[in-house]
Amino acid sequence: MYRTLIIILFLFFGKTVSATNHNTGYSFTQLSIQQGLSQPTVQSILLDERGTLWIGTKNGLNIYTQEGLKTYLHHSENPYSLPGNYINHIAEDSIGNIWVATQKGLSMYNYEQDNFTTVTPDAMYSSICVKGGIWFGGDNTICYYDYKDKTLKNIPIKKEDKDANPVDYRVQKILYLEKDKILIGTRRKGMYLYDCHTQQLTDFISDKQYLLTSLYITADKHIYAAFYGHGLYYYDSNGNMQGHYDKPQIRNL
C-alpha cells in the first residue's frame, strides 16, 4: 500500500508507451488533495498503454493525463458508476481493457461511454493476464474473465481447514513462476502453484501462516516473499526456503 502519494514521475509518451523511445520527456508533478486527488491514501497505481495514469485510493478512482486530474466515484443512482469507492486494485489486460477492483465489486472501464460495467459484486485484490483472458484473485477464489465469451468463471481454492476464514485464503498476489505455471500467494495460507496445461492447483509453499504483503520472482526464478512483521523470505523455484532476512539483516543489505 502507498500511504500517501506525494510525487509522481509521469512519462509522457504521446498515445502509446514505449520503453525504447529515448526522446521521452519527463515531468515531475505533485499530486495531493490540493491538486484534486480524491483521497491521500493510494492503494494501486497503473500507467496504461495510452499513457494515462490511474490512481486508486481509499475513496475514489483518479486518472491523470496532460489535461489534469479526473475523479470517478460510486453513485447509487447510476448503475454505470464504480461499484464502490475503496479501490483495491487496478489492472490493464492484454487487449487494453482497464479493470478496477473495489471492495464492492469488480468493474471494467468503457472508453467510449466513459463509464463502468460491473461484472461481479465480489471484491478482488490481484490479477494476471493469461491466454485468452485475465485472472483476478478474490477471497478463497480466482475469477477468470474469458475474452471470447465475455464471462467470469470461478476457480475455487481448496481450503485445508474447512472452518478457516475465507479471508485467510484471499489471493493477494498472482505471478508467473514459469511460462505455464502460475504462483498464487494467499493472505495467510501459503502459496499454491497452478499448472496451465493440467489445470491443476497444488500446494507449493505452506510453511508460513504469516500475513503476506508482497511477492516477487526474479529472472532466475527465486521467489521473495515479505510477511508483515516477519521480514523477507526467499525460496528456490521448487519452493525450498533458501534464507530469511529480519530487520537487522535487511538494514545491512
C-alpha atoms as a PDB file:
ATOM      1  CA  MET A   1       0.000   0.000   0.000  1.00  0.00           C
ATOM      2  CA  TYR A   2       1.201   3.513  -0.813  1.00  0.00           C
ATOM      3  CA  ARG A   3       0.386   5.566   2.280  1.00  0.00           C
ATOM      4  CA  THR A   4       0.469   8.948   0.626  1.00  0.00           C
ATOM      5  CA  LEU A   5       1.039   9.969  -2.961  1.00  0.00           C
ATOM      6  CA  ILE A   6       3.429  12.913  -2.808  1.00  0.00           C
ATOM      7  CA  ILE A   7       5.469  12.977  -6.026  1.00  0.00           C
ATOM      8  CA  ILE A   8       4.713  11.139  -9.270  1.00  0.00           C
ATOM      9  CA  LEU A   9       7.196  10.623 -12.089  1.00  0.00           C
ATOM     10  CA  PHE A  10       4.902  10.756 -15.084  1.00  0.00           C
ATOM     11  CA  LEU A  11       6.165   9.696 -18.508  1.00  0.00           C
ATOM     12  CA  PHE A  12       4.615  11.455 -21.470  1.00  0.00           C
ATOM     13  CA  PHE A  13       4.780   9.121 -24.443  1.00  0.00           C
ATOM     14  CA  GLY A  14       2.010  10.605 -26.557  1.00  0.00           C
ATOM     15  CA  LYS A  15      -0.663   7.993 -27.240  1.00  0.00           C
ATOM     16  CA  THR A  16       1.483   4.926 -26.558  1.00  0.00           C
ATOM     17  CA  VAL A  17       4.176   3.884 -24.115  1.00  0.00           C
ATOM     18  CA  SER A  18       7.463   2.511 -25.423  1.00  0.00           C
ATOM     19  CA  ALA A  19      10.474   1.595 -23.325  1.00  0.00           C
ATOM     20  CA  THR A  20      12.740   2.060 -26.356  1.00  0.00           C
ATOM     21  CA  ASN A  21      11.760   5.661 -27.008  1.00  0.00           C
ATOM     22  CA  HIS A  22      14.784   7.701 -25.912  1.00  0.00           C
ATOM     23  CA  ASN A  23      13.149  11.053 -26.704  1.00  0.00           C
ATOM     24  CA  THR A  24      10.726  10.786 -23.806  1.00  0.00           C
ATOM     25  CA  GLY A  25      10.090  13.940 -21.797  1.00  0.00           C
ATOM     26  CA  TYR A  26       9.929  13.716 -18.011  1.00  0.00           C
ATOM     27  CA  SER A  27       7.668  15.833 -15.838  1.00  0.00           C
ATOM     28  CA  PHE A  28       7.622  15.808 -12.030  1.00  0.00           C
ATOM     29  CA  THR A  29       4.200  16.678 -10.666  1.00  0.00           C
ATOM     30  CA  GLN A  30       2.983  16.820  -7.096  1.00  0.00           C
ATOM     31  CA  LEU A  31      -0.470  15.353  -6.649  1.00  0.00           C
ATOM     32  CA  SER A  32      -2.401  15.788  -3.434  1.00  0.00           C
ATOM     33  CA  ILE A  33      -5.880  16.731  -2.283  1.00  0.00           C
ATOM     34  CA  GLN A  34      -4.984  20.349  -3.072  1.00  0.00           C
ATOM     35  CA  GLN A  35      -4.402  19.371  -6.715  1.00  0.00           C
ATOM     36  CA  GLY A  36      -7.679  17.414  -6.856  1.00  0.00           C
ATOM     37  CA  LEU A  37      -6.737  13.923  -5.682  1.00  0.00           C
ATOM     38  CA  SER A  38      -9.855  12.355  -4.160  1.00  0.00           C
ATOM     39  CA  GLN A  39      -8.034  10.909  -1.109  1.00  0.00           C
ATOM     40  CA  PRO A  40      -4.369  10.832   0.002  1.00  0.00           C
ATOM     41  CA  THR A  41      -4.036   7.091   0.735  1.00  0.00           C
ATOM     42  CA  VAL A  42      -3.200   5.379  -2.543  1.00  0.00           C
ATOM     43  CA  GLN A  43      -3.924   1.656  -2.868  1.00  0.00           C
ATOM     44  CA  SER A  44      -2.986   0.981  -6.502  1.00  0.00           C
ATOM     45  CA  ILE A  45      -1.307   2.772  -9.416  1.00  0.00           C
ATOM     46  CA  LEU A  46      -1.332   1.855 -13.111  1.00  0.00           C
ATOM     47  CA  LEU A  47       0.282   3.568 -16.101  1.00  0.00           C
ATOM     48  CA  ASP A  48      -1.623   2.172 -19.077  1.00  0.00           C
ATOM     49  CA  GLU A  49      -0.591   1.736 -22.709  1.00  0.00           C
ATOM     50  CA  ARG A  50      -2.254   5.026 -23.662  1.00  0.00           C
ATOM     51  CA  GLY A  51      -0.085   6.947 -21.202  1.00  0.00           C
ATOM     52  CA  THR A  52      -2.880   7.531 -18.685  1.00  0.00           C
ATOM     53  CA  LEU A  53      -2.052   7.209 -15.006  1.00  0.00           C
ATOM     54  CA  TRP A  54      -4.778   5.506 -12.942  1.00  0.00           C
ATOM     55  CA  ILE A  55      -4.683   6.144  -9.191  1.00  0.00           C
ATOM     56  CA  GLY A  56      -6.878   4.124  -6.859  1.00  0.00           C
ATOM     57  CA  THR A  57      -7.410   5.470  -3.347  1.00  0.00           C
ATOM     58  CA  LYS A  58      -9.447   4.605  -0.277  1.00  0.00           C
ATOM     59  CA  ASN A  59     -12.097   6.990  -1.556  1.00  0.00           C
ATOM     60  CA  GLY A  60     -12.324   7.117  -5.314  1.00  0.00           C
ATOM     61  CA  LEU A  61     -10.512   6.490  -8.578  1.00  0.00           C
ATOM     62  CA  ASN A  62      -8.433   9.220 -10.216  1.00  0.00           C
ATOM     63  CA  ILE A  63      -6.956   9.435 -13.698  1.00  0.00           C
ATOM     64  CA  TYR A  64      -4.107  11.761 -14.550  1.00  0.00           C
ATOM     65  CA  THR A  65      -3.246  12.921 -18.067  1.00  0.00           C
ATOM     66  CA  GLN A  66      -1.684  16.010 -19.588  1.00  0.00           C
ATOM     67  CA  GLU A  67      -5.102  17.641 -19.178  1.00  0.00           C
ATOM     68  CA  GLY A  68      -5.017  17.121 -15.406  1.00  0.00           C
ATOM     69  CA  LEU A  69      -6.879  15.028 -12.825  1.00  0.00           C
ATOM     70  CA  LYS A  70     -10.322  13.478 -13.133  1.00  0.00           C
ATOM     71  CA  THR A  71     -12.120  11.590 -10.354  1.00  0.00           C
ATOM     72  CA  TYR A  72     -14.622   8.731 -10.538  1.00  0.00           C
ATOM     73  CA  LEU A  73     -16.842   7.795  -7.574  1.00  0.00           C
ATOM     74  CA  HIS A  74     -19.688   5.437  -6.798  1.00  0.00           C
ATOM     75  CA  HIS A  75     -23.175   6.928  -7.224  1.00  0.00           C
ATOM     76  CA  SER A  76     -26.043   4.767  -6.012  1.00  0.00           C
ATOM     77  CA  GLU A  77     -28.435   6.151  -8.622  1.00  0.00           C
ATOM     78  CA  ASN A  78     -26.057   5.377 -11.510  1.00  0.00           C
ATOM     79  CA  PRO A  79     -25.537   1.655 -12.352  1.00  0.00           C
ATOM     80  CA  TYR A  80     -22.624   2.594 -14.624  1.00  0.00           C
ATOM     81  CA  SER A  81     -20.596   4.256 -11.912  1.00  0.00           C
ATOM     82  CA  LEU A  82     -17.992   2.418  -9.860  1.00  0.00           C
ATOM     83  CA  PRO A  83     -19.473  -0.267  -7.580  1.00  0.00           C
ATOM     84  CA  GLY A  84     -17.542   1.182  -4.635  1.00  0.00           C
ATOM     85  CA  ASN A  85     -15.100   3.927  -3.703  1.00  0.00           C
ATOM     86  CA  TYR A  86     -12.463   1.864  -1.854  1.00  0.00           C
ATOM     87  CA  ILE A  87     -10.105   0.785  -4.680  1.00  0.00           C
ATOM     88  CA  ASN A  88      -8.208  -2.458  -4.074  1.00  0.00           C
ATOM     89  CA  HIS A  89      -6.512  -2.979  -7.423  1.00  0.00           C
ATOM     90  CA  ILE A  90      -6.248  -1.603 -10.976  1.00  0.00           C
ATOM     91  CA  ALA A  91      -5.160  -3.661 -13.990  1.00  0.00           C
ATOM     92  CA  GLU A  92      -4.868  -3.487 -17.759  1.00  0.00           C
ATOM     93  CA  ASP A  93      -5.405  -6.723 -19.678  1.00  0.00           C
ATOM     94  CA  SER A  94      -3.682  -7.877 -22.871  1.00  0.00           C
ATOM     95  CA  ILE A  95      -6.319  -6.324 -25.162  1.00  0.00           C
ATOM     96  CA  GLY A  96      -6.312  -2.916 -23.469  1.00  0.00           C
ATOM     97  CA  ASN A  97      -9.268  -3.151 -21.091  1.00  0.00           C
ATOM     98  CA  ILE A  98      -8.911  -1.322 -17.788  1.00  0.00           C
ATOM     99  CA  TRP A  99     -10.214  -3.172 -14.719  1.00  0.00           C
ATOM    100  CA  VAL A 100     -10.953  -1.554 -11.377  1.00  0.00           C
ATOM    101  CA  ALA A 101     -11.400  -3.779  -8.328  1.00  0.00           C
ATOM    102  CA  THR A 102     -13.232  -2.219  -5.387  1.00  0.00           C
ATOM    103  CA  GLN A 103     -14.423  -3.554  -2.058  1.00  0.00           C
ATOM    104  CA  LYS A 104     -17.952  -3.655  -3.523  1.00  0.00           C
ATOM    105  CA  GLY A 105     -17.141  -5.338  -6.848  1.00  0.00           C
ATOM    106  CA  LEU A 106     -15.061  -5.570  -9.999  1.00  0.00           C
ATOM    107  CA  SER A 107     -15.752  -3.320 -12.985  1.00  0.00           C
ATOM    108  CA  MET A 108     -14.418  -2.742 -16.494  1.00  0.00           C
ATOM    109  CA  TYR A 109     -13.972   0.770 -17.865  1.00  0.00           C
ATOM    110  CA  ASN A 110     -15.852   1.672 -21.054  1.00  0.00           C
ATOM    111  CA  TYR A 111     -13.759   4.138 -23.058  1.00  0.00           C
ATOM    112  CA  GLU A 112     -16.472   5.316 -25.454  1.00  0.00           C
ATOM    113  CA  GLN A 113     -19.093   5.948 -22.753  1.00  0.00           C
ATOM    114  CA  ASP A 114     -16.557   6.993 -20.092  1.00  0.00           C
ATOM    115  CA  ASN A 115     -18.269   4.771 -17.524  1.00  0.00           C
ATOM    116  CA  PHE A 116     -18.002   1.330 -15.904  1.00  0.00           C
ATOM    117  CA  THR A 117     -19.618  -2.074 -16.247  1.00  0.00           C
ATOM    118  CA  THR A 118     -19.654  -4.125 -13.040  1.00  0.00           C
ATOM    119  CA  VAL A 119     -19.003  -7.810 -13.777  1.00  0.00           C
ATOM    120  CA  THR A 120     -19.191  -9.152 -10.200  1.00  0.00           C
ATOM    121  CA  PRO A 121     -20.116  -7.735  -6.789  1.00  0.00           C
ATOM    122  CA  ASP A 122     -17.238  -9.675  -5.200  1.00  0.00           C
ATOM    123  CA  ALA A 123     -14.086  -7.899  -4.038  1.00  0.00           C
ATOM    124  CA  MET A 124     -10.849  -8.645  -5.947  1.00  0.00           C
ATOM    125  CA  TYR A 125      -7.272  -7.909  -4.910  1.00  0.00           C
ATOM    126  CA  SER A 126      -4.861  -9.033  -7.637  1.00  0.00           C
ATOM    127  CA  SER A 127      -4.693 -10.009 -11.308  1.00  0.00           C
ATOM    128  CA  ILE A 128      -2.632 -11.631 -14.047  1.00  0.00           C
ATOM    129  CA  CYS A 129      -3.040 -11.851 -17.818  1.00  0.00           C
ATOM    130  CA  VAL A 130      -3.386 -15.416 -19.112  1.00  0.00           C
ATOM    131  CA  LYS A 131      -4.023 -16.938 -22.533  1.00  0.00           C
ATOM    132  CA  GLY A 132      -7.449 -15.824 -23.723  1.00  0.00           C
ATOM    133  CA  GLY A 133      -8.271 -13.680 -20.732  1.00  0.00           C
ATOM    134  CA  ILE A 134      -7.336 -12.329 -17.328  1.00  0.00           C
ATOM    135  CA  TRP A 135      -7.428 -13.776 -13.802  1.00  0.00           C
ATOM    136  CA  PHE A 136      -8.500 -11.925 -10.680  1.00  0.00           C
ATOM    137  CA  GLY A 137      -7.748 -13.024  -7.124  1.00  0.00           C
ATOM    138  CA  GLY A 138     -10.517 -12.823  -4.526  1.00  0.00           C
ATOM    139  CA  ASP A 139     -11.386 -14.395  -1.177  1.00  0.00           C
ATOM    140  CA  ASN A 140     -10.778 -18.146  -1.486  1.00  0.00           C
ATOM    141  CA  THR A 141     -11.242 -17.967  -5.251  1.00  0.00           C
ATOM    142  CA  ILE A 142      -9.764 -16.994  -8.587  1.00  0.00           C
ATOM    143  CA  CYS A 143     -12.054 -15.481 -11.211  1.00  0.00           C
ATOM    144  CA  TYR A 144     -11.217 -15.959 -14.897  1.00  0.00           C
ATOM    145  CA  TYR A 145     -12.582 -13.485 -17.430  1.00  0.00           C
ATOM    146  CA  ASP A 146     -12.775 -15.034 -20.903  1.00  0.00           C
ATOM    147  CA  TYR A 147     -12.290 -12.527 -23.751  1.00  0.00           C
ATOM    148  CA  LYS A 148     -14.276 -14.645 -26.208  1.00  0.00           C
ATOM    149  CA  ASP A 149     -17.285 -15.434 -24.061  1.00  0.00           C
ATOM    150  CA  LYS A 150     -17.078 -12.235 -22.004  1.00  0.00           C
ATOM    151  CA  THR A 151     -17.938 -14.259 -18.925  1.00  0.00           C
ATOM    152  CA  LEU A 152     -16.446 -14.606 -15.466  1.00  0.00           C
ATOM    153  CA  LYS A 153     -15.727 -18.124 -14.230  1.00  0.00           C
ATOM    154  CA  ASN A 154     -14.581 -19.243 -10.774  1.00  0.00           C
ATOM    155  CA  ILE A 155     -11.584 -21.421  -9.898  1.00  0.00           C
ATOM    156  CA  PRO A 156     -12.073 -22.179  -6.164  1.00  0.00           C
ATOM    157  CA  ILE A 157      -9.119 -22.782  -3.893  1.00  0.00           C
ATOM    158  CA  LYS A 158      -9.481 -25.923  -1.798  1.00  0.00           C
ATOM    159  CA  LYS A 159      -9.254 -24.982   1.869  1.00  0.00           C
ATOM    160  CA  GLU A 160      -7.240 -27.334   4.058  1.00  0.00           C
ATOM    161  CA  ASP A 161      -9.134 -26.108   7.115  1.00  0.00           C
ATOM    162  CA  LYS A 162     -12.874 -26.103   6.380  1.00  0.00           C
ATOM    163  CA  ASP A 163     -13.502 -23.819   9.356  1.00  0.00           C
ATOM    164  CA  ALA A 164     -10.899 -21.261   8.258  1.00  0.00           C
ATOM    165  CA  ASN A 165     -11.923 -17.738   7.418  1.00  0.00           C
ATOM    166  CA  PRO A 166     -12.120 -17.301   3.609  1.00  0.00           C
ATOM    167  CA  VAL A 167     -10.215 -14.025   4.073  1.00  0.00           C
ATOM    168  CA  ASP A 168      -7.158 -16.066   5.104  1.00  0.00           C
ATOM    169  CA  TYR A 169      -7.251 -17.637   1.623  1.00  0.00           C
ATOM    170  CA  ARG A 170      -7.514 -14.246  -0.080  1.00  0.00           C
ATOM    171  CA  VAL A 171      -5.407 -14.219  -3.242  1.00  0.00           C
ATOM    172  CA  GLN A 172      -3.067 -11.318  -2.548  1.00  0.00           C
ATOM    173  CA  LYS A 173      -0.573 -11.853  -5.404  1.00  0.00           C
ATOM    174  CA  ILE A 174      -0.509 -13.792  -8.696  1.00  0.00           C
ATOM    175  CA  LEU A 175       2.745 -14.164 -10.680  1.00  0.00           C
ATOM    176  CA  TYR A 176       4.193 -16.368 -13.402  1.00  0.00           C
ATOM    177  CA  LEU A 177       6.833 -18.700 -11.978  1.00  0.00           C
ATOM    178  CA  GLU A 178       7.405 -20.278 -15.389  1.00  0.00           C
ATOM    179  CA  LYS A 179       5.735 -19.938 -18.779  1.00  0.00           C
ATOM    180  CA  ASP A 180       2.843 -22.249 -17.918  1.00  0.00           C
ATOM    181  CA  LYS A 181       2.998 -22.248 -14.131  1.00  0.00           C
ATOM    182  CA  ILE A 182       1.398 -19.543 -12.022  1.00  0.00           C
ATOM    183  CA  LEU A 183       2.298 -18.820  -8.394  1.00  0.00           C
ATOM    184  CA  ILE A 184      -0.639 -17.826  -6.203  1.00  0.00           C
ATOM    185  CA  GLY A 185       0.061 -16.131  -2.865  1.00  0.00           C
ATOM    186  CA  THR A 186      -2.728 -16.138  -0.290  1.00  0.00           C
ATOM    187  CA  ARG A 187      -3.165 -13.805   2.639  1.00  0.00           C
ATOM    188  CA  ARG A 188      -2.325 -16.277   5.422  1.00  0.00           C
ATOM    189  CA  LYS A 189      -2.457 -19.789   3.932  1.00  0.00           C
ATOM    190  CA  GLY A 190       0.765 -20.024   1.967  1.00  0.00           C
ATOM    191  CA  MET A 191       1.246 -20.314  -1.773  1.00  0.00           C
ATOM    192  CA  TYR A 192      -0.204 -22.515  -4.482  1.00  0.00           C
ATOM    193  CA  LEU A 193       1.012 -23.441  -7.959  1.00  0.00           C
ATOM    194  CA  TYR A 194      -1.339 -23.661 -10.931  1.00  0.00           C
ATOM    195  CA  ASP A 195      -0.342 -25.725 -13.973  1.00  0.00           C
ATOM    196  CA  CYS A 196      -1.931 -24.209 -17.095  1.00  0.00           C
ATOM    197  CA  HIS A 197      -1.597 -27.493 -19.031  1.00  0.00           C
ATOM    198  CA  THR A 198      -3.153 -29.842 -16.477  1.00  0.00           C
ATOM    199  CA  GLN A 199      -5.357 -27.118 -14.940  1.00  0.00           C
ATOM    200  CA  GLN A 200      -4.370 -28.425 -11.513  1.00  0.00           C
ATOM    201  CA  LEU A 201      -3.905 -26.305  -8.406  1.00  0.00           C
ATOM    202  CA  THR A 202      -1.452 -27.749  -5.865  1.00  0.00           C
ATOM    203  CA  ASP A 203       0.119 -26.689  -2.573  1.00  0.00           C
ATOM    204  CA  PHE A 204       3.547 -25.144  -3.120  1.00  0.00           C
ATOM    205  CA  ILE A 205       4.766 -23.269  -0.038  1.00  0.00           C
ATOM    206  CA  SER A 206       2.655 -23.812   3.060  1.00  0.00           C
ATOM    207  CA  ASP A 207       5.064 -23.488   5.977  1.00  0.00           C
ATOM    208  CA  LYS A 208       4.240 -19.864   6.767  1.00  0.00           C
ATOM    209  CA  GLN A 209       0.950 -18.663   8.265  1.00  0.00           C
ATOM    210  CA  TYR A 210       2.013 -15.021   8.394  1.00  0.00           C
ATOM    211  CA  LEU A 211       0.281 -12.144   6.625  1.00  0.00           C
ATOM    212  CA  LEU A 212       1.659 -11.911   3.066  1.00  0.00           C
ATOM    213  CA  THR A 213       2.284  -8.314   1.997  1.00  0.00           C
ATOM    214  CA  SER A 214       4.428  -8.677  -1.138  1.00  0.00           C
ATOM    215  CA  LEU A 215       5.646 -11.353  -3.539  1.00  0.00           C
ATOM    216  CA  TYR A 216       8.345 -11.138  -6.226  1.00  0.00           C
ATOM    217  CA  ILE A 217      10.020 -13.593  -8.628  1.00  0.00           C
ATOM    218  CA  THR A 218      13.477 -12.847 -10.030  1.00  0.00           C
ATOM    219  CA  ALA A 219      14.739 -13.671 -13.525  1.00  0.00           C
ATOM    220  CA  ASP A 220      16.488 -16.776 -12.166  1.00  0.00           C
ATOM    221  CA  LYS A 221      13.194 -17.976 -10.613  1.00  0.00           C
ATOM    222  CA  HIS A 222      13.965 -17.185  -6.992  1.00  0.00           C
ATOM    223  CA  ILE A 223      10.860 -16.310  -5.003  1.00  0.00           C
ATOM    224  CA  TYR A 224      10.919 -13.479  -2.464  1.00  0.00           C
ATOM    225  CA  ALA A 225       8.013 -13.178  -0.033  1.00  0.00           C
ATOM    226  CA  ALA A 226       7.506 -10.407   2.516  1.00  0.00           C
ATOM    227  CA  PHE A 227       5.353 -11.137   5.555  1.00  0.00           C
ATOM    228  CA  TYR A 228       4.037  -8.421   7.848  1.00  0.00           C
ATOM    229  CA  GLY A 229       6.227  -8.212  10.939  1.00  0.00           C
ATOM    230  CA  HIS A 230       8.289 -11.269   9.958  1.00  0.00           C
ATOM    231  CA  GLY A 231      10.771  -9.953   7.411  1.00  0.00           C
ATOM    232  CA  LEU A 232      11.693 -11.299   3.986  1.00  0.00           C
ATOM    233  CA  TYR A 233      11.925 -14.971   2.983  1.00  0.00           C
ATOM    234  CA  TYR A 234      13.320 -16.348  -0.236  1.00  0.00           C
ATOM    235  CA  TYR A 235      12.841 -19.712  -1.910  1.00  0.00           C
ATOM    236  CA  ASP A 236      14.161 -21.573  -4.934  1.00  0.00           C
ATOM    237  CA  SER A 237      11.957 -22.464  -7.913  1.00  0.00           C
ATOM    238  CA  ASN A 238      10.898 -25.693  -6.179  1.00  0.00           C
ATOM    239  CA  GLY A 239       9.609 -23.883  -3.110  1.00  0.00           C
ATOM    240  CA  ASN A 240      12.521 -24.751  -0.821  1.00  0.00           C
ATOM    241  CA  MET A 241      13.426 -21.954   1.598  1.00  0.00           C
ATOM    242  CA  GLN A 242      16.909 -20.579   0.962  1.00  0.00           C
ATOM    243  CA  GLY A 243      17.065 -17.809   3.513  1.00  0.00           C
ATOM    244  CA  HIS A 244      15.351 -15.288   5.751  1.00  0.00           C
ATOM    245  CA  TYR A 245      16.102 -11.636   6.397  1.00  0.00           C
ATOM    246  CA  ASP A 246      14.809  -9.920   9.512  1.00  0.00           C
ATOM    247  CA  LYS A 247      15.086  -6.202  10.317  1.00  0.00           C
ATOM    248  CA  PRO A 248      18.779  -6.102  11.353  1.00  0.00           C
ATOM    249  CA  GLN A 249      19.817  -8.119   8.290  1.00  0.00           C
ATOM    250  CA  ILE A 250      17.766  -6.004   5.889  1.00  0.00           C
ATOM    251  CA  ARG A 251      19.311  -2.848   7.337  1.00  0.00           C
ATOM    252  CA  ASN A 252      22.787  -4.155   6.449  1.00  0.00           C
ATOM    253  CA  LEU A 253      21.981  -5.205   2.869  1.00  0.00           C
END
